[in-house]
N, C-alpha and C. Protein backbone atom coordinates (compact mmCIF):
# COMPACT_ATOMS: atom_id res chain seq x y z
N GLY A 1 39.07 -172.30 84.30
CA GLY A 1 39.07 -172.68 85.68
C GLY A 1 40.46 -172.64 86.29
N PHE A 2 40.50 -172.70 87.56
CA PHE A 2 41.76 -172.73 88.29
C PHE A 2 41.59 -173.69 89.45
N PRO A 3 42.56 -174.49 89.75
CA PRO A 3 43.85 -174.62 89.07
C PRO A 3 43.72 -175.45 87.79
N ARG A 4 44.58 -175.13 86.83
CA ARG A 4 44.54 -175.82 85.54
C ARG A 4 45.56 -176.95 85.44
N THR A 5 46.58 -176.90 86.27
CA THR A 5 47.64 -177.92 86.22
C THR A 5 47.89 -178.47 87.62
N LEU A 6 48.56 -179.61 87.67
CA LEU A 6 48.89 -180.21 88.95
C LEU A 6 49.81 -179.30 89.75
N GLY A 7 50.75 -178.63 89.07
CA GLY A 7 51.64 -177.68 89.75
C GLY A 7 50.86 -176.55 90.39
N GLN A 8 49.86 -176.02 89.70
CA GLN A 8 49.03 -174.97 90.28
C GLN A 8 48.23 -175.50 91.47
N ALA A 9 47.73 -176.72 91.36
CA ALA A 9 46.97 -177.32 92.47
C ALA A 9 47.86 -177.48 93.70
N GLU A 10 49.09 -177.91 93.48
CA GLU A 10 50.02 -178.07 94.60
C GLU A 10 50.37 -176.72 95.23
N ALA A 11 50.55 -175.70 94.41
CA ALA A 11 50.83 -174.36 94.93
C ALA A 11 49.63 -173.84 95.72
N LEU A 12 48.44 -174.09 95.23
CA LEU A 12 47.23 -173.68 95.94
C LEU A 12 47.12 -174.38 97.29
N ASP A 13 47.50 -175.66 97.34
CA ASP A 13 47.49 -176.42 98.60
C ASP A 13 48.37 -175.77 99.67
N ARG A 14 49.43 -175.12 99.23
CA ARG A 14 50.35 -174.50 100.19
C ARG A 14 49.77 -173.24 100.84
N ILE A 15 48.76 -172.64 100.23
CA ILE A 15 48.22 -171.40 100.79
C ILE A 15 46.80 -171.53 101.34
N CYS A 16 46.10 -172.61 100.98
CA CYS A 16 44.75 -172.79 101.53
C CYS A 16 44.32 -174.24 101.44
N LYS A 17 43.29 -174.58 102.20
CA LYS A 17 42.76 -175.94 102.20
C LYS A 17 41.40 -175.90 101.51
N LEU A 18 41.28 -176.61 100.41
CA LEU A 18 40.02 -176.67 99.68
C LEU A 18 39.13 -177.75 100.27
N ASP A 19 37.84 -177.45 100.37
CA ASP A 19 36.90 -178.48 100.80
C ASP A 19 35.81 -178.71 99.76
N LEU A 20 35.91 -178.00 98.63
CA LEU A 20 34.92 -178.14 97.57
C LEU A 20 35.54 -177.71 96.25
N VAL A 21 35.43 -178.56 95.25
CA VAL A 21 35.91 -178.26 93.91
C VAL A 21 34.80 -178.58 92.94
N ILE A 22 34.53 -177.66 92.03
CA ILE A 22 33.47 -177.85 91.03
C ILE A 22 34.11 -178.05 89.67
N SER A 23 33.66 -179.09 88.98
CA SER A 23 34.10 -179.35 87.62
C SER A 23 32.87 -179.29 86.72
N LEU A 24 32.96 -178.47 85.68
CA LEU A 24 31.88 -178.38 84.70
C LEU A 24 32.27 -179.19 83.48
N ASN A 25 31.50 -180.20 83.19
CA ASN A 25 31.76 -181.06 82.04
C ASN A 25 30.89 -180.61 80.88
N ILE A 26 31.51 -179.87 79.97
CA ILE A 26 30.81 -179.31 78.82
C ILE A 26 31.35 -180.01 77.58
N PRO A 27 30.49 -180.45 76.67
CA PRO A 27 30.98 -181.11 75.47
C PRO A 27 31.99 -180.24 74.69
N PHE A 28 32.99 -180.91 74.14
CA PHE A 28 34.05 -180.25 73.36
C PHE A 28 33.47 -179.31 72.30
N GLU A 29 32.51 -179.78 71.53
CA GLU A 29 31.95 -178.96 70.44
C GLU A 29 31.26 -177.72 70.97
N THR A 30 30.58 -177.83 72.10
CA THR A 30 29.90 -176.67 72.70
C THR A 30 30.93 -175.62 73.09
N LEU A 31 32.00 -176.05 73.76
CA LEU A 31 33.05 -175.11 74.15
C LEU A 31 33.70 -174.47 72.93
N LYS A 32 34.02 -175.29 71.94
CA LYS A 32 34.67 -174.78 70.73
C LYS A 32 33.77 -173.75 70.04
N ASP A 33 32.50 -174.05 69.92
CA ASP A 33 31.57 -173.12 69.26
C ASP A 33 31.45 -171.81 70.03
N ARG A 34 31.32 -171.89 71.36
CA ARG A 34 31.17 -170.68 72.16
C ARG A 34 32.42 -169.79 72.11
N LEU A 35 33.58 -170.42 72.29
CA LEU A 35 34.82 -169.64 72.28
C LEU A 35 35.10 -169.06 70.89
N SER A 36 34.77 -169.81 69.87
CA SER A 36 35.02 -169.35 68.50
C SER A 36 34.07 -168.23 68.09
N ALA A 37 32.98 -168.06 68.80
CA ALA A 37 32.01 -167.00 68.49
C ALA A 37 32.33 -165.71 69.25
N ARG A 38 33.44 -165.68 69.98
CA ARG A 38 33.80 -164.52 70.80
C ARG A 38 34.58 -163.50 69.98
N TRP A 39 34.16 -162.25 70.06
CA TRP A 39 34.84 -161.12 69.40
C TRP A 39 34.99 -160.02 70.43
N VAL A 40 36.04 -159.22 70.32
CA VAL A 40 36.31 -158.18 71.32
C VAL A 40 36.53 -156.82 70.67
N HIS A 41 36.28 -155.80 71.48
CA HIS A 41 36.65 -154.43 71.12
C HIS A 41 37.99 -154.18 71.81
N PRO A 42 39.09 -154.12 71.04
CA PRO A 42 40.43 -154.08 71.65
C PRO A 42 40.66 -152.93 72.62
N ALA A 43 40.16 -151.75 72.30
CA ALA A 43 40.46 -150.59 73.15
C ALA A 43 39.82 -150.68 74.53
N SER A 44 38.61 -151.25 74.60
CA SER A 44 37.90 -151.30 75.88
C SER A 44 37.94 -152.68 76.53
N GLY A 45 38.13 -153.71 75.72
CA GLY A 45 38.06 -155.07 76.25
C GLY A 45 36.65 -155.63 76.27
N ARG A 46 35.67 -154.86 75.75
CA ARG A 46 34.30 -155.37 75.71
C ARG A 46 34.26 -156.64 74.89
N VAL A 47 33.52 -157.63 75.39
CA VAL A 47 33.45 -158.92 74.72
C VAL A 47 32.02 -159.15 74.21
N TYR A 48 31.94 -159.62 72.99
CA TYR A 48 30.67 -159.98 72.39
C TYR A 48 30.73 -161.46 72.02
N ASN A 49 29.58 -162.10 72.01
CA ASN A 49 29.49 -163.45 71.51
C ASN A 49 28.43 -163.43 70.42
N MET A 50 28.80 -163.85 69.23
CA MET A 50 27.91 -163.74 68.08
C MET A 50 26.66 -164.60 68.22
N ASP A 51 26.68 -165.57 69.14
CA ASP A 51 25.51 -166.43 69.32
C ASP A 51 24.53 -165.91 70.37
N PHE A 52 25.05 -165.42 71.52
CA PHE A 52 24.11 -165.03 72.57
C PHE A 52 24.30 -163.63 73.12
N ASN A 53 25.27 -162.88 72.64
CA ASN A 53 25.44 -161.48 73.04
C ASN A 53 26.07 -160.71 71.87
N PRO A 54 25.39 -160.71 70.72
CA PRO A 54 25.99 -160.08 69.54
C PRO A 54 25.91 -158.55 69.61
N PRO A 55 26.80 -157.88 68.88
CA PRO A 55 26.68 -156.42 68.79
C PRO A 55 25.44 -156.08 67.94
N HIS A 56 24.97 -154.84 68.05
CA HIS A 56 23.80 -154.42 67.26
C HIS A 56 24.08 -154.51 65.77
N VAL A 57 25.31 -154.17 65.39
CA VAL A 57 25.74 -154.27 63.99
C VAL A 57 26.90 -155.25 63.94
N GLN A 58 26.77 -156.27 63.09
CA GLN A 58 27.81 -157.31 62.99
C GLN A 58 29.19 -156.70 62.81
N GLY A 59 30.13 -157.10 63.71
CA GLY A 59 31.52 -156.69 63.58
C GLY A 59 31.85 -155.30 64.08
N ILE A 60 30.86 -154.61 64.69
CA ILE A 60 31.06 -153.21 65.13
C ILE A 60 30.72 -153.09 66.62
N ASP A 61 31.59 -152.40 67.37
CA ASP A 61 31.35 -152.16 68.79
C ASP A 61 30.12 -151.28 68.97
N ASP A 62 29.24 -151.66 69.88
CA ASP A 62 27.99 -150.93 70.12
C ASP A 62 28.23 -149.49 70.56
N LEU A 63 29.25 -149.24 71.38
CA LEU A 63 29.44 -147.91 71.95
C LEU A 63 30.28 -146.98 71.09
N THR A 64 31.30 -147.50 70.44
CA THR A 64 32.21 -146.61 69.71
C THR A 64 32.05 -146.66 68.20
N GLY A 65 31.42 -147.71 67.68
CA GLY A 65 31.31 -147.88 66.24
C GLY A 65 32.60 -148.38 65.61
N GLU A 66 33.58 -148.72 66.44
CA GLU A 66 34.86 -149.22 65.94
C GLU A 66 34.76 -150.71 65.64
N PRO A 67 35.65 -151.23 64.79
CA PRO A 67 35.58 -152.65 64.44
C PRO A 67 35.97 -153.56 65.60
N LEU A 68 35.32 -154.72 65.63
CA LEU A 68 35.65 -155.77 66.58
C LEU A 68 36.68 -156.69 65.95
N VAL A 69 37.44 -157.37 66.77
CA VAL A 69 38.42 -158.32 66.27
C VAL A 69 38.23 -159.66 66.99
N GLN A 70 38.63 -160.70 66.30
CA GLN A 70 38.66 -162.01 66.93
C GLN A 70 40.11 -162.32 67.27
N ARG A 71 40.36 -162.56 68.55
CA ARG A 71 41.72 -162.88 68.98
C ARG A 71 42.18 -164.15 68.27
N GLU A 72 43.47 -164.24 68.02
CA GLU A 72 44.02 -165.41 67.35
C GLU A 72 43.69 -166.70 68.10
N ASP A 73 43.73 -166.63 69.46
CA ASP A 73 43.47 -167.85 70.22
C ASP A 73 41.98 -168.17 70.35
N ASP A 74 41.11 -167.35 69.76
CA ASP A 74 39.68 -167.64 69.72
C ASP A 74 39.24 -168.19 68.37
N LYS A 75 40.15 -168.30 67.42
CA LYS A 75 39.81 -168.87 66.12
C LYS A 75 39.62 -170.38 66.30
N PRO A 76 38.70 -170.98 65.54
CA PRO A 76 38.32 -172.39 65.78
C PRO A 76 39.49 -173.36 65.91
N GLU A 77 40.51 -173.25 65.06
CA GLU A 77 41.63 -174.19 65.12
C GLU A 77 42.40 -174.02 66.42
N ALA A 78 42.60 -172.76 66.82
CA ALA A 78 43.34 -172.48 68.05
C ALA A 78 42.54 -172.92 69.27
N VAL A 79 41.23 -172.71 69.24
CA VAL A 79 40.38 -173.13 70.35
C VAL A 79 40.45 -174.65 70.52
N ALA A 80 40.38 -175.38 69.42
CA ALA A 80 40.44 -176.84 69.49
C ALA A 80 41.76 -177.29 70.10
N ALA A 81 42.85 -176.67 69.71
CA ALA A 81 44.17 -177.03 70.26
C ALA A 81 44.23 -176.68 71.75
N ARG A 82 43.70 -175.50 72.13
CA ARG A 82 43.70 -175.11 73.55
C ARG A 82 42.90 -176.09 74.39
N LEU A 83 41.74 -176.52 73.88
CA LEU A 83 40.89 -177.43 74.64
C LEU A 83 41.54 -178.80 74.81
N ARG A 84 42.22 -179.28 73.78
CA ARG A 84 42.92 -180.57 73.90
C ARG A 84 44.03 -180.47 74.94
N LYS A 85 44.78 -179.38 74.89
CA LYS A 85 45.87 -179.18 75.85
C LYS A 85 45.32 -179.07 77.27
N TYR A 86 44.23 -178.31 77.44
CA TYR A 86 43.62 -178.15 78.75
C TYR A 86 43.16 -179.50 79.30
N LYS A 87 42.50 -180.31 78.46
CA LYS A 87 41.99 -181.61 78.92
C LYS A 87 43.13 -182.48 79.44
N ASP A 88 44.24 -182.50 78.72
CA ASP A 88 45.39 -183.31 79.14
C ASP A 88 45.98 -182.80 80.46
N ALA A 89 46.10 -181.48 80.59
CA ALA A 89 46.70 -180.90 81.80
C ALA A 89 45.76 -181.02 83.00
N ALA A 90 44.46 -180.92 82.76
CA ALA A 90 43.49 -180.89 83.86
C ALA A 90 43.18 -182.29 84.40
N LYS A 91 43.41 -183.33 83.62
CA LYS A 91 43.05 -184.68 84.06
C LYS A 91 43.65 -185.05 85.41
N PRO A 92 44.96 -184.84 85.64
CA PRO A 92 45.50 -185.18 86.96
C PRO A 92 44.94 -184.30 88.08
N VAL A 93 44.57 -183.07 87.76
CA VAL A 93 43.98 -182.18 88.77
C VAL A 93 42.62 -182.72 89.18
N ILE A 94 41.83 -183.11 88.19
CA ILE A 94 40.50 -183.69 88.47
C ILE A 94 40.66 -184.96 89.32
N GLU A 95 41.59 -185.81 88.95
CA GLU A 95 41.82 -187.05 89.70
C GLU A 95 42.25 -186.77 91.14
N LEU A 96 43.09 -185.75 91.33
CA LEU A 96 43.53 -185.39 92.67
C LEU A 96 42.34 -185.03 93.55
N TYR A 97 41.48 -184.14 93.07
CA TYR A 97 40.35 -183.69 93.88
C TYR A 97 39.30 -184.79 94.03
N LYS A 98 39.18 -185.64 93.03
CA LYS A 98 38.27 -186.78 93.12
C LYS A 98 38.75 -187.72 94.23
N SER A 99 40.06 -187.98 94.28
CA SER A 99 40.61 -188.88 95.30
C SER A 99 40.44 -188.31 96.71
N ARG A 100 40.37 -187.01 96.82
CA ARG A 100 40.17 -186.37 98.13
C ARG A 100 38.70 -186.32 98.53
N GLY A 101 37.81 -186.66 97.59
CA GLY A 101 36.38 -186.66 97.88
C GLY A 101 35.76 -185.28 97.90
N ILE A 102 36.40 -184.30 97.26
CA ILE A 102 35.86 -182.94 97.29
C ILE A 102 35.40 -182.46 95.91
N LEU A 103 35.48 -183.34 94.92
CA LEU A 103 35.11 -182.95 93.55
C LEU A 103 33.62 -183.16 93.34
N HIS A 104 32.98 -182.15 92.80
CA HIS A 104 31.56 -182.21 92.42
C HIS A 104 31.49 -181.84 90.95
N SER A 105 30.98 -182.76 90.12
CA SER A 105 30.94 -182.54 88.68
C SER A 105 29.52 -182.29 88.21
N PHE A 106 29.40 -181.40 87.26
CA PHE A 106 28.11 -181.07 86.66
C PHE A 106 28.30 -181.09 85.15
N SER A 107 27.33 -181.65 84.44
CA SER A 107 27.42 -181.76 82.99
C SER A 107 26.26 -181.04 82.33
N GLY A 108 26.51 -180.51 81.15
CA GLY A 108 25.45 -179.86 80.39
C GLY A 108 26.03 -178.94 79.33
N THR A 109 25.13 -178.24 78.67
CA THR A 109 25.53 -177.32 77.62
C THR A 109 25.02 -175.90 77.83
N GLU A 110 24.13 -175.72 78.81
CA GLU A 110 23.54 -174.40 79.02
C GLU A 110 23.70 -173.95 80.47
N THR A 111 24.23 -172.75 80.64
CA THR A 111 24.47 -172.20 81.97
C THR A 111 23.20 -172.20 82.82
N ASN A 112 22.10 -171.75 82.24
CA ASN A 112 20.87 -171.63 83.03
C ASN A 112 20.30 -172.98 83.47
N LYS A 113 20.78 -174.06 82.86
CA LYS A 113 20.34 -175.39 83.29
C LYS A 113 21.30 -176.01 84.30
N ILE A 114 22.57 -175.65 84.22
CA ILE A 114 23.57 -176.18 85.17
C ILE A 114 23.57 -175.38 86.47
N TRP A 115 23.42 -174.06 86.37
CA TRP A 115 23.56 -173.18 87.52
C TRP A 115 22.68 -173.56 88.71
N PRO A 116 21.40 -173.92 88.54
CA PRO A 116 20.60 -174.26 89.73
C PRO A 116 21.21 -175.39 90.56
N TYR A 117 21.83 -176.36 89.91
CA TYR A 117 22.46 -177.46 90.64
C TYR A 117 23.72 -177.00 91.38
N VAL A 118 24.51 -176.16 90.70
CA VAL A 118 25.71 -175.61 91.34
C VAL A 118 25.30 -174.73 92.53
N TYR A 119 24.29 -173.91 92.33
CA TYR A 119 23.80 -173.02 93.39
C TYR A 119 23.32 -173.84 94.60
N THR A 120 22.59 -174.91 94.35
CA THR A 120 22.10 -175.75 95.45
C THR A 120 23.27 -176.34 96.24
N LEU A 121 24.29 -176.81 95.53
CA LEU A 121 25.47 -177.34 96.21
C LEU A 121 26.14 -176.27 97.05
N LEU A 122 26.40 -175.12 96.44
CA LEU A 122 27.07 -174.04 97.17
C LEU A 122 26.24 -173.58 98.37
N SER A 123 24.93 -173.48 98.19
CA SER A 123 24.06 -173.05 99.29
C SER A 123 24.10 -174.02 100.45
N SER A 124 24.30 -175.30 100.15
CA SER A 124 24.35 -176.30 101.23
C SER A 124 25.69 -176.27 101.96
N LYS A 125 26.71 -175.69 101.36
CA LYS A 125 28.05 -175.68 101.95
C LYS A 125 28.43 -174.35 102.59
N ILE A 126 27.81 -173.27 102.12
CA ILE A 126 28.17 -171.94 102.60
C ILE A 126 26.99 -171.37 103.38
N PRO A 127 27.20 -171.03 104.64
CA PRO A 127 26.08 -170.46 105.42
C PRO A 127 25.68 -169.10 104.87
N PRO A 128 24.39 -168.79 104.93
CA PRO A 128 23.94 -167.49 104.42
C PRO A 128 24.50 -166.34 105.25
N ILE A 129 24.71 -165.22 104.60
CA ILE A 129 25.16 -164.01 105.29
C ILE A 129 23.92 -163.28 105.76
N LEU A 130 23.84 -163.04 107.05
CA LEU A 130 22.67 -162.38 107.63
C LEU A 130 22.95 -160.89 107.79
N SER A 131 21.90 -160.09 107.58
CA SER A 131 22.03 -158.65 107.80
C SER A 131 22.05 -158.38 109.29
N ASP A 132 22.40 -157.15 109.68
CA ASP A 132 22.46 -156.79 111.09
C ASP A 132 21.10 -156.99 111.77
N GLU A 133 20.01 -156.70 111.04
CA GLU A 133 18.68 -156.87 111.63
C GLU A 133 18.36 -158.33 111.92
N GLU A 134 18.94 -159.25 111.09
CA GLU A 134 18.65 -160.67 111.27
C GLU A 134 19.49 -161.29 112.38
N ASN A 135 20.59 -160.66 112.76
CA ASN A 135 21.47 -161.21 113.80
C ASN A 135 20.95 -160.96 115.18
């Protein structure tokens, strides 16, 4: 997400005025498991997830047949450290937007269960775009 730090939030304030901020509260273990299951094809940047978007053959890119790699920062120990660091840095950002009354938080572990609530919020805040025939 962005902004990740208070400095980034302050820089963002200088260029635009936010009226809505979404925070997704996902359990630590869920995030760690998802990020740790990510593998990439270095040449193309294609991303696979061994849990919900695996390659046809384990460890092999579907299109080229070349080996997939796991980035160093996607290994479980690195992911855990990244998540702890993010939580510490993001806390003041969350508090800032909460104090402004523009923070909307959603909790869960599955995108398809959280998304309808996020969509409803966004739909209530953003007017629909009408086609020329509808105008």
